[in-house]
Structure formats: C-alpha cells, structure tokens
Amino acid sequence: MYGKNHSNSTKIKMSIAKGTPIFVYSSDSNTLIYNFTSLKKASEFFNCLDHTIKRYLNGKLFKKQWILTSSIRDSS
C-alpha cells in the first residue's frame, strides 16, 4: 500500500483495530473518570457508535458532562 491514501472510514477502522486509548474526564473538575483501551470499548460502554466517540475527541462536551481525549491530560 506504499503511496496509497486511505479514506476516513478506513482510518477509523484501522484506529479501532489498533486500539486508540480513550480517556474520559469530568467537565467541571477535569478529573479522570474512565479510561478505555479502544474506541470500540468506549462506544460499547456509552452505547453509541464509534464515529460518535471519534467526533467528540476534539474537545466538545460529550453528553453534556464529559470531555473525551485520546491522550492523558497534564494534571498541572
């Protein structure tokens, strides 16, 4: 696949397969509430599509109470 470009849906599928970690923080105190080993695990827990989890990784408030990230936030 050298030199080939992947579609967004293919990139999401590859991300799910490799296990992108998802960290869930409370919106008011930025306290780590949950962590998941993959988008799939997070989507199963929240009973939604993996695309929904991916969409909220940019800092938008998820279900009016959580902030989702793919990396651990600095506690300082």
N, C-alpha and C. Protein backbone atom coordinates (compact mmCIF):
# COMPACT_ATOMS: atom_id res chain seq x y z
N MET A 1 0.82 -1.19 0.00
CA MET A 1 0.00 0.00 0.00
C MET A 1 0.86 1.26 0.00
N TYR A 2 2.11 1.13 -0.37
CA TYR A 2 3.00 2.29 -0.38
C TYR A 2 2.48 3.34 -1.35
N GLY A 3 2.38 4.59 -0.88
CA GLY A 3 1.93 5.68 -1.71
C GLY A 3 0.43 5.79 -1.86
N LYS A 4 -0.33 4.95 -1.19
CA LYS A 4 -1.80 4.98 -1.28
C LYS A 4 -2.37 5.82 -0.13
N ASN A 5 -3.49 6.45 -0.40
CA ASN A 5 -4.19 7.22 0.64
C ASN A 5 -5.40 6.42 1.11
N HIS A 6 -5.63 6.45 2.41
CA HIS A 6 -6.76 5.75 2.99
C HIS A 6 -7.92 6.71 3.17
N SER A 7 -9.14 6.21 3.01
CA SER A 7 -10.33 7.03 3.25
C SER A 7 -10.49 7.22 4.75
N ASN A 8 -11.32 8.19 5.14
CA ASN A 8 -11.55 8.44 6.57
C ASN A 8 -12.16 7.23 7.25
N SER A 9 -13.08 6.55 6.59
CA SER A 9 -13.69 5.38 7.22
C SER A 9 -12.67 4.26 7.42
N THR A 10 -11.75 4.11 6.49
CA THR A 10 -10.70 3.12 6.63
C THR A 10 -9.77 3.49 7.78
N LYS A 11 -9.45 4.78 7.91
CA LYS A 11 -8.59 5.23 9.01
C LYS A 11 -9.24 4.96 10.36
N ILE A 12 -10.56 5.18 10.45
CA ILE A 12 -11.27 4.91 11.70
C ILE A 12 -11.22 3.42 12.02
N LYS A 13 -11.43 2.59 11.02
CA LYS A 13 -11.39 1.14 11.23
C LYS A 13 -10.00 0.69 11.68
N MET A 14 -8.95 1.25 11.08
CA MET A 14 -7.59 0.90 11.47
C MET A 14 -7.31 1.38 12.89
N SER A 15 -7.82 2.55 13.26
CA SER A 15 -7.64 3.09 14.59
C SER A 15 -8.31 2.19 15.62
N ILE A 16 -9.51 1.72 15.31
CA ILE A 16 -10.22 0.83 16.21
C ILE A 16 -9.45 -0.48 16.37
N ALA A 17 -8.93 -0.98 15.27
CA ALA A 17 -8.21 -2.25 15.29
C ALA A 17 -6.94 -2.16 16.14
N LYS A 18 -6.25 -1.05 16.08
CA LYS A 18 -5.00 -0.94 16.83
C LYS A 18 -5.23 -0.53 18.28
N GLY A 19 -6.42 -0.07 18.61
CA GLY A 19 -6.75 0.23 20.00
C GLY A 19 -6.31 1.60 20.46
N THR A 20 -6.89 2.65 19.91
CA THR A 20 -6.62 4.01 20.37
C THR A 20 -7.21 4.19 21.76
N PRO A 21 -6.40 4.54 22.75
CA PRO A 21 -6.95 4.70 24.10
C PRO A 21 -7.86 5.92 24.17
N ILE A 22 -8.91 5.83 24.98
CA ILE A 22 -9.84 6.93 25.17
C ILE A 22 -9.89 7.23 26.67
N PHE A 23 -9.71 8.51 27.01
CA PHE A 23 -9.74 8.96 28.39
C PHE A 23 -10.94 9.88 28.56
N VAL A 24 -11.72 9.66 29.61
CA VAL A 24 -12.93 10.43 29.86
C VAL A 24 -12.73 11.25 31.14
N TYR A 25 -12.88 12.57 31.00
CA TYR A 25 -12.71 13.50 32.12
C TYR A 25 -14.04 14.16 32.44
N SER A 26 -14.24 14.51 33.70
CA SER A 26 -15.43 15.26 34.08
C SER A 26 -15.29 16.68 33.54
N SER A 27 -16.40 17.29 33.18
CA SER A 27 -16.34 18.62 32.58
C SER A 27 -16.05 19.71 33.59
N ASP A 28 -16.43 19.51 34.85
CA ASP A 28 -16.26 20.57 35.83
C ASP A 28 -14.91 20.55 36.54
N SER A 29 -14.37 19.38 36.82
CA SER A 29 -13.13 19.34 37.59
C SER A 29 -11.94 18.76 36.82
N ASN A 30 -12.16 18.35 35.59
CA ASN A 30 -11.10 17.73 34.78
C ASN A 30 -10.48 16.52 35.47
N THR A 31 -11.28 15.81 36.22
CA THR A 31 -10.84 14.59 36.88
C THR A 31 -11.05 13.41 35.94
N LEU A 32 -10.06 12.54 35.85
CA LEU A 32 -10.19 11.34 35.03
C LEU A 32 -11.25 10.43 35.64
N ILE A 33 -12.29 10.13 34.84
CA ILE A 33 -13.40 9.32 35.32
C ILE A 33 -13.28 7.89 34.82
N TYR A 34 -13.06 7.74 33.50
CA TYR A 34 -12.95 6.43 32.86
C TYR A 34 -11.77 6.44 31.91
N ASN A 35 -11.24 5.26 31.64
CA ASN A 35 -10.31 5.11 30.52
C ASN A 35 -10.62 3.79 29.83
N PHE A 36 -10.49 3.80 28.52
CA PHE A 36 -10.80 2.65 27.69
C PHE A 36 -9.62 2.35 26.79
N THR A 37 -9.44 1.10 26.44
CA THR A 37 -8.31 0.70 25.61
C THR A 37 -8.55 0.96 24.13
N SER A 38 -9.80 1.24 23.74
CA SER A 38 -10.09 1.47 22.33
C SER A 38 -11.38 2.26 22.15
N LEU A 39 -11.56 2.80 20.96
CA LEU A 39 -12.80 3.47 20.59
C LEU A 39 -13.98 2.52 20.72
N LYS A 40 -13.75 1.30 20.31
CA LYS A 40 -14.82 0.29 20.36
C LYS A 40 -15.31 0.06 21.78
N LYS A 41 -14.38 -0.08 22.72
CA LYS A 41 -14.75 -0.30 24.12
C LYS A 41 -15.52 0.91 24.67
N ALA A 42 -15.08 2.11 24.33
CA ALA A 42 -15.77 3.32 24.79
C ALA A 42 -17.16 3.41 24.19
N SER A 43 -17.29 3.10 22.91
CA SER A 43 -18.60 3.17 22.26
C SER A 43 -19.55 2.12 22.83
N GLU A 44 -19.05 0.96 23.17
CA GLU A 44 -19.89 -0.06 23.80
C GLU A 44 -20.36 0.40 25.18
N PHE A 45 -19.47 1.01 25.95
CA PHE A 45 -19.81 1.48 27.28
C PHE A 45 -20.88 2.57 27.22
N PHE A 46 -20.71 3.53 26.31
CA PHE A 46 -21.64 4.64 26.19
C PHE A 46 -22.83 4.34 25.28
N ASN A 47 -22.87 3.12 24.74
CA ASN A 47 -23.96 2.68 23.88
C ASN A 47 -24.18 3.65 22.70
N CYS A 48 -23.10 3.89 21.96
CA CYS A 48 -23.17 4.76 20.79
C CYS A 48 -22.20 4.22 19.73
N LEU A 49 -22.20 4.85 18.58
CA LEU A 49 -21.30 4.43 17.51
C LEU A 49 -19.88 4.91 17.78
N ASP A 50 -18.91 4.18 17.26
CA ASP A 50 -17.51 4.59 17.42
C ASP A 50 -17.25 5.93 16.73
N HIS A 51 -17.99 6.23 15.68
CA HIS A 51 -17.85 7.52 14.99
C HIS A 51 -18.23 8.67 15.92
N THR A 52 -19.21 8.43 16.78
CA THR A 52 -19.63 9.45 17.73
C THR A 52 -18.50 9.75 18.71
N ILE A 53 -17.86 8.73 19.23
CA ILE A 53 -16.73 8.92 20.15
C ILE A 53 -15.63 9.70 19.44
N LYS A 54 -15.31 9.30 18.22
CA LYS A 54 -14.25 9.96 17.44
C LYS A 54 -14.58 11.44 17.23
N ARG A 55 -15.85 11.75 16.98
CA ARG A 55 -16.27 13.13 16.73
C ARG A 55 -16.05 14.01 17.96
N TYR A 56 -16.18 13.45 19.14
CA TYR A 56 -16.06 14.23 20.38
C TYR A 56 -14.63 14.29 20.92
N LEU A 57 -13.68 13.71 20.25
CA LEU A 57 -12.29 13.77 20.71
C LEU A 57 -11.66 15.15 20.51
N ASN A 58 -12.36 16.07 19.86
CA ASN A 58 -11.80 17.39 19.59
C ASN A 58 -12.08 18.40 20.69
N GLY A 59 -12.64 17.96 21.81
CA GLY A 59 -12.85 18.86 22.94
C GLY A 59 -14.29 19.27 23.18
N LYS A 60 -15.21 18.87 22.29
CA LYS A 60 -16.62 19.17 22.52
C LYS A 60 -17.10 18.36 23.72
N LEU A 61 -18.09 18.90 24.41
CA LEU A 61 -18.65 18.24 25.58
C LEU A 61 -19.53 17.07 25.15
N PHE A 62 -19.21 15.88 25.62
CA PHE A 62 -19.93 14.66 25.27
C PHE A 62 -21.03 14.41 26.29
N LYS A 63 -22.26 14.26 25.82
CA LYS A 63 -23.44 14.01 26.67
C LYS A 63 -23.54 15.02 27.81
N LYS A 64 -23.14 16.25 27.54
CA LYS A 64 -23.25 17.40 28.45
C LYS A 64 -22.51 17.23 29.78
N GLN A 65 -21.59 16.24 29.84
CA GLN A 65 -20.91 16.06 31.12
C GLN A 65 -19.48 15.54 31.06
N TRP A 66 -19.02 15.09 29.90
CA TRP A 66 -17.68 14.51 29.82
C TRP A 66 -16.86 15.12 28.70
N ILE A 67 -15.56 15.13 28.91
CA ILE A 67 -14.60 15.55 27.89
C ILE A 67 -13.80 14.30 27.50
N LEU A 68 -13.77 13.98 26.21
CA LEU A 68 -13.08 12.80 25.73
C LEU A 68 -11.76 13.20 25.08
N THR A 69 -10.71 12.46 25.38
CA THR A 69 -9.41 12.71 24.76
C THR A 69 -8.77 11.36 24.40
N SER A 70 -7.78 11.43 23.53
CA SER A 70 -7.05 10.22 23.19
C SER A 70 -5.68 10.20 23.85
N SER A 71 -5.42 11.18 24.73
CA SER A 71 -4.17 11.20 25.48
C SER A 71 -4.45 11.71 26.89
N ILE A 72 -3.59 11.36 27.81
CA ILE A 72 -3.76 11.77 29.20
C ILE A 72 -3.46 13.26 29.32
N ARG A 73 -4.31 13.97 30.03
CA ARG A 73 -4.11 15.40 30.26
C ARG A 73 -3.08 15.61 31.36
N ASP A 74 -2.37 16.72 31.24
CA ASP A 74 -1.43 17.11 32.28
C ASP A 74 -2.22 17.57 33.50
N SER A 75 -1.89 17.10 34.68
CA SER A 75 -2.64 17.41 35.88
C SER A 75 -2.32 18.79 36.44
N SER A 76 -1.37 19.50 35.89
CA SER A 76 -1.00 20.81 36.46
C SER A 76 -1.83 21.93 35.94
